[in-house]
All heavy atoms as atom14 arrays in JSON, in Angstrom:
{
  "sequence": "DAAAVAALYDDLLGLTPYKREAVEREGVQTHFIQAGQAKLELL",
  "atom14_mask": [
    [1, 1, 1, 1, 1, 1, 1, 1, 0, 0, 0, 0, 0, 0],
    [1, 1, 1, 1, 1, 0, 0, 0, 0, 0, 0, 0, 0, 0],
    [1, 1, 1, 1, 1, 0, 0, 0, 0, 0, 0, 0, 0, 0],
    [1, 1, 1, 1, 1, 0, 0, 0, 0, 0, 0, 0, 0, 0],
    [1, 1, 1, 1, 1, 1, 1, 0, 0, 0, 0, 0, 0, 0],
    [1, 1, 1, 1, 1, 0, 0, 0, 0, 0, 0, 0, 0, 0],
    [1, 1, 1, 1, 1, 0, 0, 0, 0, 0, 0, 0, 0, 0],
    [1, 1, 1, 1, 1, 1, 1, 1, 0, 0, 0, 0, 0, 0],
    [1, 1, 1, 1, 1, 1, 1, 1, 1, 1, 1, 1, 0, 0],
    [1, 1, 1, 1, 1, 1, 1, 1, 0, 0, 0, 0, 0, 0],
    [1, 1, 1, 1, 1, 1, 1, 1, 0, 0, 0, 0, 0, 0],
    [1, 1, 1, 1, 1, 1, 1, 1, 0, 0, 0, 0, 0, 0],
    [1, 1, 1, 1, 1, 1, 1, 1, 0, 0, 0, 0, 0, 0],
    [1, 1, 1, 1, 0, 0, 0, 0, 0, 0, 0, 0, 0, 0],
    [1, 1, 1, 1, 1, 1, 1, 1, 0, 0, 0, 0, 0, 0],
    [1, 1, 1, 1, 1, 1, 1, 0, 0, 0, 0, 0, 0, 0],
    [1, 1, 1, 1, 1, 1, 1, 0, 0, 0, 0, 0, 0, 0],
    [1, 1, 1, 1, 1, 1, 1, 1, 1, 1, 1, 1, 0, 0],
    [1, 1, 1, 1, 1, 1, 1, 1, 1, 0, 0, 0, 0, 0],
    [1, 1, 1, 1, 1, 1, 1, 1, 1, 1, 1, 0, 0, 0],
    [1, 1, 1, 1, 1, 1, 1, 1, 1, 0, 0, 0, 0, 0],
    [1, 1, 1, 1, 1, 0, 0, 0, 0, 0, 0, 0, 0, 0],
    [1, 1, 1, 1, 1, 1, 1, 0, 0, 0, 0, 0, 0, 0],
    [1, 1, 1, 1, 1, 1, 1, 1, 1, 0, 0, 0, 0, 0],
    [1, 1, 1, 1, 1, 1, 1, 1, 1, 1, 1, 0, 0, 0],
    [1, 1, 1, 1, 1, 1, 1, 1, 1, 0, 0, 0, 0, 0],
    [1, 1, 1, 1, 0, 0, 0, 0, 0, 0, 0, 0, 0, 0],
    [1, 1, 1, 1, 1, 1, 1, 0, 0, 0, 0, 0, 0, 0],
    [1, 1, 1, 1, 1, 1, 1, 1, 1, 0, 0, 0, 0, 0],
    [1, 1, 1, 1, 1, 1, 1, 0, 0, 0, 0, 0, 0, 0],
    [1, 1, 1, 1, 1, 1, 1, 1, 1, 1, 0, 0, 0, 0],
    [1, 1, 1, 1, 1, 1, 1, 1, 1, 1, 1, 0, 0, 0],
    [1, 1, 1, 1, 1, 1, 1, 1, 0, 0, 0, 0, 0, 0],
    [1, 1, 1, 1, 1, 1, 1, 1, 1, 0, 0, 0, 0, 0],
    [1, 1, 1, 1, 1, 0, 0, 0, 0, 0, 0, 0, 0, 0],
    [1, 1, 1, 1, 0, 0, 0, 0, 0, 0, 0, 0, 0, 0],
    [1, 1, 1, 1, 1, 1, 1, 1, 1, 0, 0, 0, 0, 0],
    [1, 1, 1, 1, 1, 0, 0, 0, 0, 0, 0, 0, 0, 0],
    [1, 1, 1, 1, 1, 1, 1, 1, 1, 0, 0, 0, 0, 0],
    [1, 1, 1, 1, 1, 1, 1, 1, 0, 0, 0, 0, 0, 0],
    [1, 1, 1, 1, 1, 1, 1, 1, 1, 0, 0, 0, 0, 0],
    [1, 1, 1, 1, 1, 1, 1, 1, 0, 0, 0, 0, 0, 0],
    [1, 1, 1, 1, 1, 1, 1, 1, 0, 0, 0, 0, 0, 0]
  ],
  "atom14_positions": [
    [[94.96, 65.17, 50.85], [96.22, 64.43, 50.93], [97.35, 65.34, 50.51], [97.64, 65.46, 49.28], [96.17, 63.17, 50.11], [97.42, 62.28, 50.25], [98.46, 62.79, 50.74], [97.37, 61.12, 49.87], [0.0, 0.0, 0.0], [0.0, 0.0, 0.0], [0.0, 0.0, 0.0], [0.0, 0.0, 0.0], [0.0, 0.0, 0.0], [0.0, 0.0, 0.0]],
    [[97.97, 66.06, 51.42], [99.01, 67.06, 51.08], [100.17, 66.42, 50.35], [100.74, 67.02, 49.44], [99.46, 67.79, 52.3], [0.0, 0.0, 0.0], [0.0, 0.0, 0.0], [0.0, 0.0, 0.0], [0.0, 0.0, 0.0], [0.0, 0.0, 0.0], [0.0, 0.0, 0.0], [0.0, 0.0, 0.0], [0.0, 0.0, 0.0], [0.0, 0.0, 0.0]],
    [[100.54, 65.2, 50.74], [101.68, 64.55, 50.07], [101.4, 64.3, 48.58], [102.28, 64.52, 47.73], [101.99, 63.22, 50.76], [0.0, 0.0, 0.0], [0.0, 0.0, 0.0], [0.0, 0.0, 0.0], [0.0, 0.0, 0.0], [0.0, 0.0, 0.0], [0.0, 0.0, 0.0], [0.0, 0.0, 0.0], [0.0, 0.0, 0.0], [0.0, 0.0, 0.0]],
    [[100.16, 63.91, 48.27], [99.82, 63.65, 46.88], [99.78, 64.98, 46.08], [100.23, 65.01, 44.93], [98.48, 62.95, 46.79], [0.0, 0.0, 0.0], [0.0, 0.0, 0.0], [0.0, 0.0, 0.0], [0.0, 0.0, 0.0], [0.0, 0.0, 0.0], [0.0, 0.0, 0.0], [0.0, 0.0, 0.0], [0.0, 0.0, 0.0], [0.0, 0.0, 0.0]],
    [[99.28, 66.02, 46.69], [99.21, 67.31, 46.0], [100.62, 67.88, 45.84], [100.95, 68.46, 44.78], [98.32, 68.31, 46.76], [98.32, 69.69, 46.1], [96.88, 67.77, 46.86], [0.0, 0.0, 0.0], [0.0, 0.0, 0.0], [0.0, 0.0, 0.0], [0.0, 0.0, 0.0], [0.0, 0.0, 0.0], [0.0, 0.0, 0.0], [0.0, 0.0, 0.0]],
    [[101.45, 67.73, 46.84], [102.83, 68.17, 46.74], [103.58, 67.46, 45.62], [104.37, 68.06, 44.86], [103.59, 68.0, 48.04], [0.0, 0.0, 0.0], [0.0, 0.0, 0.0], [0.0, 0.0, 0.0], [0.0, 0.0, 0.0], [0.0, 0.0, 0.0], [0.0, 0.0, 0.0], [0.0, 0.0, 0.0], [0.0, 0.0, 0.0], [0.0, 0.0, 0.0]],
    [[103.28, 66.17, 45.49], [103.92, 65.39, 44.4], [103.46, 65.89, 43.05], [104.21, 65.89, 42.08], [103.56, 63.88, 44.56], [0.0, 0.0, 0.0], [0.0, 0.0, 0.0], [0.0, 0.0, 0.0], [0.0, 0.0, 0.0], [0.0, 0.0, 0.0], [0.0, 0.0, 0.0], [0.0, 0.0, 0.0], [0.0, 0.0, 0.0], [0.0, 0.0, 0.0]],
    [[102.16, 66.31, 42.95], [101.65, 66.87, 41.72], [102.42, 68.1, 41.3], [102.82, 68.26, 40.15], [100.16, 67.21, 41.89], [99.54, 68.05, 40.74], [99.5, 67.25, 39.43], [98.15, 68.54, 41.17], [0.0, 0.0, 0.0], [0.0, 0.0, 0.0], [0.0, 0.0, 0.0], [0.0, 0.0, 0.0], [0.0, 0.0, 0.0], [0.0, 0.0, 0.0]],
    [[102.62, 69.08, 42.27], [103.32, 70.3, 41.93], [104.78, 70.02, 41.62], [105.42, 70.75, 40.82], [103.18, 71.33, 43.06], [101.83, 71.97, 43.06], [100.88, 71.67, 44.04], [101.46, 72.83, 42.06], [99.65, 72.25, 44.02], [100.21, 73.44, 42.05], [99.27, 73.11, 43.03], [98.05, 73.7, 43.0], [0.0, 0.0, 0.0], [0.0, 0.0, 0.0]],
    [[105.33, 68.98, 42.24], [106.7, 68.6, 41.87], [106.76, 68.1, 40.43], [107.66, 68.45, 39.67], [107.16, 67.5, 42.84], [108.66, 67.22, 42.69], [109.41, 68.06, 42.11], [109.11, 66.19, 43.21], [0.0, 0.0, 0.0], [0.0, 0.0, 0.0], [0.0, 0.0, 0.0], [0.0, 0.0, 0.0], [0.0, 0.0, 0.0], [0.0, 0.0, 0.0]],
    [[105.79, 67.28, 40.01], [105.73, 66.79, 38.65], [105.49, 67.96, 37.67], [106.15, 68.02, 36.59], [104.59, 65.77, 38.47], [104.85, 64.46, 39.17], [106.04, 64.17, 39.46], [103.91, 63.71, 39.38], [0.0, 0.0, 0.0], [0.0, 0.0, 0.0], [0.0, 0.0, 0.0], [0.0, 0.0, 0.0], [0.0, 0.0, 0.0], [0.0, 0.0, 0.0]],
    [[104.56, 68.85, 38.01], [104.21, 69.95, 37.09], [105.29, 70.98, 36.94], [105.6, 71.44, 35.86], [102.9, 70.58, 37.55], [101.63, 69.76, 37.46], [100.45, 70.53, 38.05], [101.32, 69.34, 36.03], [0.0, 0.0, 0.0], [0.0, 0.0, 0.0], [0.0, 0.0, 0.0], [0.0, 0.0, 0.0], [0.0, 0.0, 0.0], [0.0, 0.0, 0.0]],
    [[105.85, 71.39, 38.09], [106.68, 72.59, 38.14], [108.06, 72.4, 38.76], [108.88, 73.3, 38.75], [105.96, 73.73, 38.9], [104.55, 74.07, 38.39], [103.87, 74.99, 39.38], [104.63, 74.7, 37.03], [0.0, 0.0, 0.0], [0.0, 0.0, 0.0], [0.0, 0.0, 0.0], [0.0, 0.0, 0.0], [0.0, 0.0, 0.0], [0.0, 0.0, 0.0]],
    [[108.29, 71.19, 39.29], [109.57, 70.99, 40.0], [109.65, 71.71, 41.32], [110.74, 72.02, 41.79], [0.0, 0.0, 0.0], [0.0, 0.0, 0.0], [0.0, 0.0, 0.0], [0.0, 0.0, 0.0], [0.0, 0.0, 0.0], [0.0, 0.0, 0.0], [0.0, 0.0, 0.0], [0.0, 0.0, 0.0], [0.0, 0.0, 0.0], [0.0, 0.0, 0.0]],
    [[108.48, 72.0, 41.95], [108.44, 72.72, 43.22], [108.01, 71.76, 44.33], [107.08, 70.96, 44.17], [107.43, 73.86, 43.13], [107.71, 74.92, 42.08], [106.59, 75.95, 42.06], [109.04, 75.64, 42.33], [0.0, 0.0, 0.0], [0.0, 0.0, 0.0], [0.0, 0.0, 0.0], [0.0, 0.0, 0.0], [0.0, 0.0, 0.0], [0.0, 0.0, 0.0]],
    [[108.7, 71.81, 45.44], [108.37, 71.0, 46.61], [108.25, 71.89, 47.84], [108.83, 72.94, 47.91], [109.45, 69.95, 46.89], [110.74, 70.59, 47.05], [109.57, 68.97, 45.71], [0.0, 0.0, 0.0], [0.0, 0.0, 0.0], [0.0, 0.0, 0.0], [0.0, 0.0, 0.0], [0.0, 0.0, 0.0], [0.0, 0.0, 0.0], [0.0, 0.0, 0.0]],
    [[107.48, 71.47, 48.87], [107.32, 72.26, 50.1], [108.65, 72.51, 50.75], [109.48, 71.63, 50.89], [106.38, 71.42, 50.95], [105.62, 70.56, 49.97], [106.64, 70.22, 48.88], [0.0, 0.0, 0.0], [0.0, 0.0, 0.0], [0.0, 0.0, 0.0], [0.0, 0.0, 0.0], [0.0, 0.0, 0.0], [0.0, 0.0, 0.0], [0.0, 0.0, 0.0]],
    [[108.82, 73.74, 51.19], [110.04, 74.07, 51.95], [109.78, 74.09, 53.43], [110.71, 74.17, 54.26], [110.58, 75.45, 51.54], [109.72, 76.62, 51.92], [109.8, 77.19, 53.19], [108.81, 77.15, 51.01], [109.02, 78.28, 53.55], [108.0, 78.24, 51.35], [108.13, 78.78, 52.62], [107.31, 79.84, 52.97], [0.0, 0.0, 0.0], [0.0, 0.0, 0.0]],
    [[108.5, 74.01, 53.81], [108.19, 74.1, 55.24], [106.85, 73.42, 55.51], [105.9, 73.51, 54.73], [108.08, 75.6, 55.64], [107.81, 75.84, 57.11], [107.75, 77.35, 57.38], [107.58, 77.6, 58.86], [107.51, 79.06, 59.15], [0.0, 0.0, 0.0], [0.0, 0.0, 0.0], [0.0, 0.0, 0.0], [0.0, 0.0, 0.0], [0.0, 0.0, 0.0]],
    [[106.77, 72.75, 56.62], [105.52, 72.15, 57.12], [105.31, 72.57, 58.55], [106.23, 72.52, 59.36], [105.65, 70.61, 57.05], [104.53, 69.83, 57.64], [104.79, 68.35, 57.53], [103.89, 67.56, 58.32], [103.93, 66.25, 58.46], [104.91, 65.58, 57.81], [103.1, 65.61, 59.2], [0.0, 0.0, 0.0], [0.0, 0.0, 0.0], [0.0, 0.0, 0.0]],
    [[104.1, 73.06, 58.86], [103.84, 73.61, 60.19], [102.41, 73.37, 60.6], [101.49, 73.64, 59.81], [104.12, 75.13, 60.18], [103.9, 75.81, 61.5], [104.17, 77.29, 61.43], [104.7, 77.77, 60.4], [103.79, 78.01, 62.39], [0.0, 0.0, 0.0], [0.0, 0.0, 0.0], [0.0, 0.0, 0.0], [0.0, 0.0, 0.0], [0.0, 0.0, 0.0]],
    [[102.21, 72.86, 61.76], [100.88, 72.65, 62.33], [100.4, 73.87, 63.09], [101.19, 74.44, 63.87], [100.88, 71.44, 63.25], [0.0, 0.0, 0.0], [0.0, 0.0, 0.0], [0.0, 0.0, 0.0], [0.0, 0.0, 0.0], [0.0, 0.0, 0.0], [0.0, 0.0, 0.0], [0.0, 0.0, 0.0], [0.0, 0.0, 0.0], [0.0, 0.0, 0.0]],
    [[99.18, 74.3, 62.89], [98.54, 75.33, 63.62], [97.42, 74.68, 64.43], [96.3, 74.5, 63.93], [98.01, 76.47, 62.75], [97.45, 77.62, 63.58], [99.11, 76.99, 61.8], [0.0, 0.0, 0.0], [0.0, 0.0, 0.0], [0.0, 0.0, 0.0], [0.0, 0.0, 0.0], [0.0, 0.0, 0.0], [0.0, 0.0, 0.0], [0.0, 0.0, 0.0]],
    [[97.73, 74.26, 65.64], [96.84, 73.44, 66.43], [95.52, 74.13, 66.71], [94.44, 73.51, 66.64], [97.54, 73.04, 67.77], [98.82, 72.25, 67.63], [98.53, 70.82, 67.2], [97.37, 70.39, 67.24], [99.5, 70.13, 66.82], [0.0, 0.0, 0.0], [0.0, 0.0, 0.0], [0.0, 0.0, 0.0], [0.0, 0.0, 0.0], [0.0, 0.0, 0.0]],
    [[95.56, 75.43, 66.99], [94.29, 76.13, 67.35], [93.31, 76.17, 66.21], [92.14, 76.3, 66.38], [94.61, 77.53, 67.86], [95.25, 78.44, 66.87], [95.49, 79.85, 67.47], [94.26, 80.55, 67.61], [94.15, 81.66, 68.29], [95.2, 82.22, 68.86], [92.97, 82.25, 68.4], [0.0, 0.0, 0.0], [0.0, 0.0, 0.0], [0.0, 0.0, 0.0]],
    [[93.87, 76.09, 64.97], [92.98, 76.06, 63.76], [92.73, 74.67, 63.26], [92.0, 74.44, 62.29], [93.62, 76.9, 62.66], [93.93, 78.35, 63.03], [92.7, 79.16, 63.32], [91.61, 78.75, 62.88], [92.78, 80.22, 63.99], [0.0, 0.0, 0.0], [0.0, 0.0, 0.0], [0.0, 0.0, 0.0], [0.0, 0.0, 0.0], [0.0, 0.0, 0.0]],
    [[93.42, 73.66, 63.88], [93.21, 72.28, 63.45], [93.7, 72.03, 62.04], [93.1, 71.22, 61.3], [0.0, 0.0, 0.0], [0.0, 0.0, 0.0], [0.0, 0.0, 0.0], [0.0, 0.0, 0.0], [0.0, 0.0, 0.0], [0.0, 0.0, 0.0], [0.0, 0.0, 0.0], [0.0, 0.0, 0.0], [0.0, 0.0, 0.0], [0.0, 0.0, 0.0]],
    [[94.84, 72.64, 61.68], [95.28, 72.55, 60.29], [96.82, 72.28, 60.22], [97.56, 72.77, 61.07], [94.94, 73.83, 59.5], [95.65, 75.06, 60.09], [95.32, 73.68, 58.02], [0.0, 0.0, 0.0], [0.0, 0.0, 0.0], [0.0, 0.0, 0.0], [0.0, 0.0, 0.0], [0.0, 0.0, 0.0], [0.0, 0.0, 0.0], [0.0, 0.0, 0.0]],
    [[97.19, 71.45, 59.29], [98.58, 71.23, 58.97], [98.91, 71.98, 57.66], [98.22, 71.78, 56.63], [98.89, 69.71, 58.74], [100.29, 69.38, 58.42], [101.22, 69.45, 59.63], [100.93, 68.85, 60.64], [102.27, 70.19, 59.51], [0.0, 0.0, 0.0], [0.0, 0.0, 0.0], [0.0, 0.0, 0.0], [0.0, 0.0, 0.0], [0.0, 0.0, 0.0]],
    [[99.85, 72.88, 57.74], [100.2, 73.69, 56.54], [101.45, 73.16, 55.88], [102.36, 72.68, 56.54], [100.35, 75.17, 56.91], [101.5, 75.3, 57.77], [99.12, 75.71, 57.59], [0.0, 0.0, 0.0], [0.0, 0.0, 0.0], [0.0, 0.0, 0.0], [0.0, 0.0, 0.0], [0.0, 0.0, 0.0], [0.0, 0.0, 0.0], [0.0, 0.0, 0.0]],
    [[101.46, 73.29, 54.56], [102.67, 72.92, 53.73], [102.88, 74.08, 52.77], [102.04, 74.36, 51.92], [102.4, 71.61, 52.97], [101.95, 70.49, 53.83], [102.75, 69.42, 54.18], [100.71, 70.24, 54.38], [102.06, 68.6, 54.93], [100.82, 69.06, 55.1], [0.0, 0.0, 0.0], [0.0, 0.0, 0.0], [0.0, 0.0, 0.0], [0.0, 0.0, 0.0]],
    [[104.03, 74.74, 52.85], [104.31, 75.92, 52.05], [105.22, 75.57, 50.86], [106.26, 74.94, 51.03], [104.97, 77.04, 52.89], [103.99, 77.71, 53.84], [103.85, 77.29, 55.13], [103.19, 78.75, 53.38], [102.96, 77.92, 55.98], [102.32, 79.39, 54.22], [102.2, 78.96, 55.54], [0.0, 0.0, 0.0], [0.0, 0.0, 0.0], [0.0, 0.0, 0.0]],
    [[104.81, 76.06, 49.72], [105.58, 75.88, 48.47], [105.83, 77.3, 47.89], [104.94, 78.06, 47.68], [104.78, 75.08, 47.41], [104.52, 73.68, 47.94], [105.58, 75.02, 46.12], [103.61, 72.83, 47.02], [0.0, 0.0, 0.0], [0.0, 0.0, 0.0], [0.0, 0.0, 0.0], [0.0, 0.0, 0.0], [0.0, 0.0, 0.0], [0.0, 0.0, 0.0]],
    [[107.15, 77.64, 47.73], [107.48, 78.9, 47.14], [107.25, 78.84, 45.64], [107.86, 78.01, 44.95], [108.92, 79.27, 47.42], [109.32, 80.66, 46.98], [108.67, 81.77, 47.81], [108.65, 81.7, 49.05], [108.06, 82.73, 47.14], [0.0, 0.0, 0.0], [0.0, 0.0, 0.0], [0.0, 0.0, 0.0], [0.0, 0.0, 0.0], [0.0, 0.0, 0.0]],
    [[106.41, 79.68, 45.11], [106.08, 79.67, 43.66], [106.36, 81.07, 43.1], [105.41, 81.87, 42.95], [104.67, 79.25, 43.42], [0.0, 0.0, 0.0], [0.0, 0.0, 0.0], [0.0, 0.0, 0.0], [0.0, 0.0, 0.0], [0.0, 0.0, 0.0], [0.0, 0.0, 0.0], [0.0, 0.0, 0.0], [0.0, 0.0, 0.0], [0.0, 0.0, 0.0]],
    [[107.58, 81.37, 42.83], [107.93, 82.68, 42.3], [107.83, 83.73, 43.41], [108.34, 83.59, 44.5], [0.0, 0.0, 0.0], [0.0, 0.0, 0.0], [0.0, 0.0, 0.0], [0.0, 0.0, 0.0], [0.0, 0.0, 0.0], [0.0, 0.0, 0.0], [0.0, 0.0, 0.0], [0.0, 0.0, 0.0], [0.0, 0.0, 0.0], [0.0, 0.0, 0.0]],
    [[107.02, 84.77, 43.15], [106.9, 85.88, 44.08], [105.85, 85.63, 45.16], [105.73, 86.43, 46.06], [106.56, 87.16, 43.31], [107.73, 87.56, 42.36], [107.44, 88.89, 41.64], [106.31, 89.35, 41.63], [108.45, 89.44, 41.09], [0.0, 0.0, 0.0], [0.0, 0.0, 0.0], [0.0, 0.0, 0.0], [0.0, 0.0, 0.0], [0.0, 0.0, 0.0]],
    [[105.08, 84.58, 45.04], [104.08, 84.27, 46.08], [104.26, 82.79, 46.5], [105.15, 82.08, 46.0], [102.65, 84.51, 45.56], [0.0, 0.0, 0.0], [0.0, 0.0, 0.0], [0.0, 0.0, 0.0], [0.0, 0.0, 0.0], [0.0, 0.0, 0.0], [0.0, 0.0, 0.0], [0.0, 0.0, 0.0], [0.0, 0.0, 0.0], [0.0, 0.0, 0.0]],
    [[103.43, 82.36, 47.4], [103.54, 80.98, 47.9], [102.21, 80.27, 47.72], [101.15, 80.91, 47.6], [103.88, 81.01, 49.41], [105.14, 81.73, 49.75], [105.29, 81.88, 51.29], [106.52, 82.71, 51.59], [106.59, 83.01, 53.05], [0.0, 0.0, 0.0], [0.0, 0.0, 0.0], [0.0, 0.0, 0.0], [0.0, 0.0, 0.0], [0.0, 0.0, 0.0]],
    [[102.22, 78.93, 47.73], [101.07, 78.12, 47.86], [101.07, 77.56, 49.27], [102.13, 77.12, 49.77], [101.07, 76.98, 46.85], [101.19, 77.37, 45.38], [101.22, 76.11, 44.51], [100.07, 78.29, 44.96], [0.0, 0.0, 0.0], [0.0, 0.0, 0.0], [0.0, 0.0, 0.0], [0.0, 0.0, 0.0], [0.0, 0.0, 0.0], [0.0, 0.0, 0.0]],
    [[99.94, 77.59, 49.92], [99.8, 77.02, 51.27], [98.79, 75.88, 51.18], [97.6, 76.1, 51.04], [99.32, 78.07, 52.27], [99.18, 77.53, 53.69], [98.58, 78.54, 54.67], [97.78, 79.42, 54.17], [98.84, 78.47, 55.87], [0.0, 0.0, 0.0], [0.0, 0.0, 0.0], [0.0, 0.0, 0.0], [0.0, 0.0, 0.0], [0.0, 0.0, 0.0]],
    [[99.3, 74.64, 51.24], [98.41, 73.49, 51.24], [97.88, 73.27, 52.63], [98.64, 73.21, 53.59], [99.19, 72.26, 50.76], [99.91, 72.34, 49.43], [100.56, 71.0, 49.06], [99.0, 72.83, 48.34], [0.0, 0.0, 0.0], [0.0, 0.0, 0.0], [0.0, 0.0, 0.0], [0.0, 0.0, 0.0], [0.0, 0.0, 0.0], [0.0, 0.0, 0.0]],
    [[96.56, 73.21, 52.76], [95.9, 73.1, 54.08], [95.29, 71.75, 54.25], [94.38, 71.33, 53.48], [94.8, 74.2, 54.14], [95.28, 75.62, 53.97], [94.12, 76.56, 53.68], [96.06, 76.1, 55.16], [0.0, 0.0, 0.0], [0.0, 0.0, 0.0], [0.0, 0.0, 0.0], [0.0, 0.0, 0.0], [0.0, 0.0, 0.0], [0.0, 0.0, 0.0]]
  ]
}
């Protein structure tokens, strides 16, 4: 549940996804969170 996990990172760090993108060929919905110098990609 990406929405629930995104809410967790918002509570913990004040970070929310800046981008949501579906990759149909891989069957995945991605949610990107910028976390300093790297990113988290919720799959």
